Amino acid sequence: MFLKRMVVCVLVGWLSMAAALAAQPTKSLDFIENRGQWDSRVRYAANLHQGGYFWRATD
């Protein structure tokens, strides 16, 4: 009986945590215009969790 209750509690906790994480809003990328703070080839940049994204002009 104890084991059954423990399994149910763990499952309910896991499902609650999964539901809470799924309800988090997704984060969008905010692009920043280059106004001289980066290399002149870079038009826009966005900060990512583990780095950055740079959008360069193509000639």
N, C-alpha and C. Protein backbone atom coordinates (compact mmCIF):
# COMPACT_ATOMS: atom_id res chain seq x y z
N MET A 1 0.82 -1.20 0.00
CA MET A 1 0.00 0.00 0.00
C MET A 1 0.88 1.27 0.00
N PHE A 2 1.95 1.24 0.79
CA PHE A 2 2.85 2.40 0.84
C PHE A 2 3.50 2.65 -0.52
N LEU A 3 3.93 1.57 -1.17
CA LEU A 3 4.58 1.70 -2.47
C LEU A 3 3.61 2.28 -3.51
N LYS A 4 2.37 1.84 -3.47
CA LYS A 4 1.37 2.34 -4.41
C LYS A 4 1.15 3.84 -4.20
N ARG A 5 1.05 4.27 -2.93
CA ARG A 5 0.88 5.69 -2.63
C ARG A 5 2.08 6.50 -3.08
N MET A 6 3.26 5.96 -2.88
CA MET A 6 4.49 6.65 -3.26
C MET A 6 4.54 6.84 -4.78
N VAL A 7 4.19 5.80 -5.54
CA VAL A 7 4.18 5.89 -7.00
C VAL A 7 3.17 6.92 -7.46
N VAL A 8 2.00 6.93 -6.87
CA VAL A 8 0.96 7.90 -7.23
C VAL A 8 1.44 9.32 -6.93
N CYS A 9 2.05 9.54 -5.79
CA CYS A 9 2.54 10.87 -5.43
C CYS A 9 3.63 11.34 -6.40
N VAL A 10 4.54 10.45 -6.75
CA VAL A 10 5.60 10.80 -7.69
C VAL A 10 5.01 11.15 -9.05
N LEU A 11 4.06 10.35 -9.53
CA LEU A 11 3.43 10.62 -10.82
C LEU A 11 2.66 11.94 -10.82
N VAL A 12 1.93 12.20 -9.75
CA VAL A 12 1.18 13.46 -9.67
C VAL A 12 2.15 14.65 -9.63
N GLY A 13 3.22 14.52 -8.88
CA GLY A 13 4.23 15.58 -8.83
C GLY A 13 4.87 15.81 -10.18
N TRP A 14 5.22 14.73 -10.87
CA TRP A 14 5.83 14.85 -12.18
C TRP A 14 4.88 15.49 -13.18
N LEU A 15 3.63 15.07 -13.18
CA LEU A 15 2.64 15.65 -14.10
C LEU A 15 2.39 17.12 -13.79
N SER A 16 2.37 17.48 -12.52
CA SER A 16 2.18 18.89 -12.14
C SER A 16 3.35 19.73 -12.64
N MET A 17 4.56 19.23 -12.47
CA MET A 17 5.74 19.95 -12.92
C MET A 17 5.74 20.08 -14.44
N ALA A 18 5.38 19.02 -15.15
CA ALA A 18 5.34 19.06 -16.61
C ALA A 18 4.29 20.07 -17.09
N ALA A 19 3.15 20.12 -16.43
CA ALA A 19 2.11 21.07 -16.81
C ALA A 19 2.55 22.51 -16.56
N ALA A 20 3.24 22.73 -15.46
CA ALA A 20 3.72 24.08 -15.15
C ALA A 20 4.77 24.53 -16.16
N LEU A 21 5.66 23.62 -16.55
CA LEU A 21 6.68 23.97 -17.54
C LEU A 21 6.07 24.22 -18.91
N ALA A 22 5.06 23.46 -19.27
CA ALA A 22 4.40 23.63 -20.56
C ALA A 22 3.64 24.95 -20.63
N ALA A 23 3.22 25.46 -19.50
CA ALA A 23 2.45 26.70 -19.47
C ALA A 23 3.34 27.94 -19.56
N GLN A 24 4.67 27.76 -19.47
CA GLN A 24 5.58 28.89 -19.55
C GLN A 24 5.50 29.49 -20.95
N PRO A 25 5.44 30.81 -21.05
CA PRO A 25 5.41 31.41 -22.39
C PRO A 25 6.75 31.22 -23.09
N THR A 26 6.70 31.04 -24.40
CA THR A 26 7.94 30.91 -25.15
C THR A 26 8.59 32.27 -25.29
N LYS A 27 9.89 32.28 -25.25
CA LYS A 27 10.62 33.54 -25.34
C LYS A 27 10.92 33.84 -26.80
N SER A 28 10.69 35.06 -27.21
CA SER A 28 10.97 35.44 -28.58
C SER A 28 12.35 36.08 -28.67
N LEU A 29 12.87 36.15 -29.86
CA LEU A 29 14.16 36.81 -30.07
C LEU A 29 13.94 38.30 -30.26
N ASP A 30 14.70 39.09 -29.56
CA ASP A 30 14.66 40.54 -29.72
C ASP A 30 15.90 40.95 -30.51
N PHE A 31 15.69 41.41 -31.73
CA PHE A 31 16.81 41.82 -32.57
C PHE A 31 17.20 43.25 -32.25
N ILE A 32 18.49 43.49 -32.17
CA ILE A 32 19.04 44.81 -31.85
C ILE A 32 19.76 45.32 -33.09
N GLU A 33 19.41 46.52 -33.50
CA GLU A 33 20.05 47.12 -34.67
C GLU A 33 21.49 47.50 -34.34
N ASN A 34 22.39 47.27 -35.28
CA ASN A 34 23.79 47.64 -35.10
C ASN A 34 23.94 49.14 -35.31
N ARG A 35 24.35 49.81 -34.29
CA ARG A 35 24.60 51.25 -34.37
C ARG A 35 26.06 51.52 -34.02
N GLY A 36 26.92 50.66 -34.57
CA GLY A 36 28.36 50.83 -34.36
C GLY A 36 28.94 50.00 -33.23
N GLN A 37 28.12 49.21 -32.54
CA GLN A 37 28.63 48.44 -31.42
C GLN A 37 29.27 47.11 -31.85
N TRP A 38 29.05 46.68 -33.11
CA TRP A 38 29.65 45.45 -33.65
C TRP A 38 30.33 45.76 -34.97
N ASP A 39 30.88 44.74 -35.57
CA ASP A 39 31.50 44.83 -36.89
C ASP A 39 30.50 45.46 -37.86
N SER A 40 31.00 46.25 -38.81
CA SER A 40 30.11 46.99 -39.72
C SER A 40 29.32 46.07 -40.65
N ARG A 41 29.74 44.81 -40.82
CA ARG A 41 28.99 43.86 -41.66
C ARG A 41 27.72 43.37 -40.98
N VAL A 42 27.64 43.51 -39.66
CA VAL A 42 26.49 43.03 -38.89
C VAL A 42 25.38 44.07 -38.95
N ARG A 43 24.18 43.64 -39.36
CA ARG A 43 23.03 44.55 -39.39
C ARG A 43 22.24 44.50 -38.09
N TYR A 44 21.95 43.28 -37.63
CA TYR A 44 21.17 43.07 -36.41
C TYR A 44 21.79 41.93 -35.60
N ALA A 45 21.50 41.89 -34.32
CA ALA A 45 21.97 40.81 -33.46
C ALA A 45 20.86 40.47 -32.48
N ALA A 46 20.90 39.23 -31.99
CA ALA A 46 19.95 38.77 -30.97
C ALA A 46 20.72 37.96 -29.94
N ASN A 47 20.39 38.14 -28.68
CA ASN A 47 21.02 37.38 -27.61
C ASN A 47 20.29 36.05 -27.44
N LEU A 48 21.07 34.98 -27.38
CA LEU A 48 20.54 33.66 -27.14
C LEU A 48 21.04 33.18 -25.79
N HIS A 49 20.49 32.07 -25.32
CA HIS A 49 20.86 31.53 -24.01
C HIS A 49 22.35 31.24 -23.92
N GLN A 50 22.92 30.66 -24.97
CA GLN A 50 24.33 30.27 -24.92
C GLN A 50 25.15 30.95 -26.01
N GLY A 51 24.84 32.18 -26.32
CA GLY A 51 25.61 32.88 -27.34
C GLY A 51 24.80 33.98 -27.98
N GLY A 52 25.08 34.24 -29.23
CA GLY A 52 24.37 35.30 -29.93
C GLY A 52 24.14 34.93 -31.38
N TYR A 53 23.23 35.63 -32.01
CA TYR A 53 22.90 35.43 -33.42
C TYR A 53 23.11 36.76 -34.11
N PHE A 54 23.94 36.76 -35.16
CA PHE A 54 24.23 37.98 -35.89
C PHE A 54 23.73 37.85 -37.32
N TRP A 55 23.01 38.85 -37.76
CA TRP A 55 22.48 38.88 -39.12
C TRP A 55 23.32 39.87 -39.90
N ARG A 56 24.06 39.35 -40.88
CA ARG A 56 24.96 40.19 -41.66
C ARG A 56 24.34 40.56 -42.99
N ALA A 57 24.80 41.68 -43.52
CA ALA A 57 24.38 42.10 -44.87
C ALA A 57 25.19 41.29 -45.88
N THR A 58 24.55 40.88 -46.95
CA THR A 58 25.27 40.17 -48.01
C THR A 58 25.46 41.11 -49.18
N ASP A 59 26.64 41.07 -49.74
CA ASP A 59 26.95 41.93 -50.89
C ASP A 59 27.00 41.12 -52.14
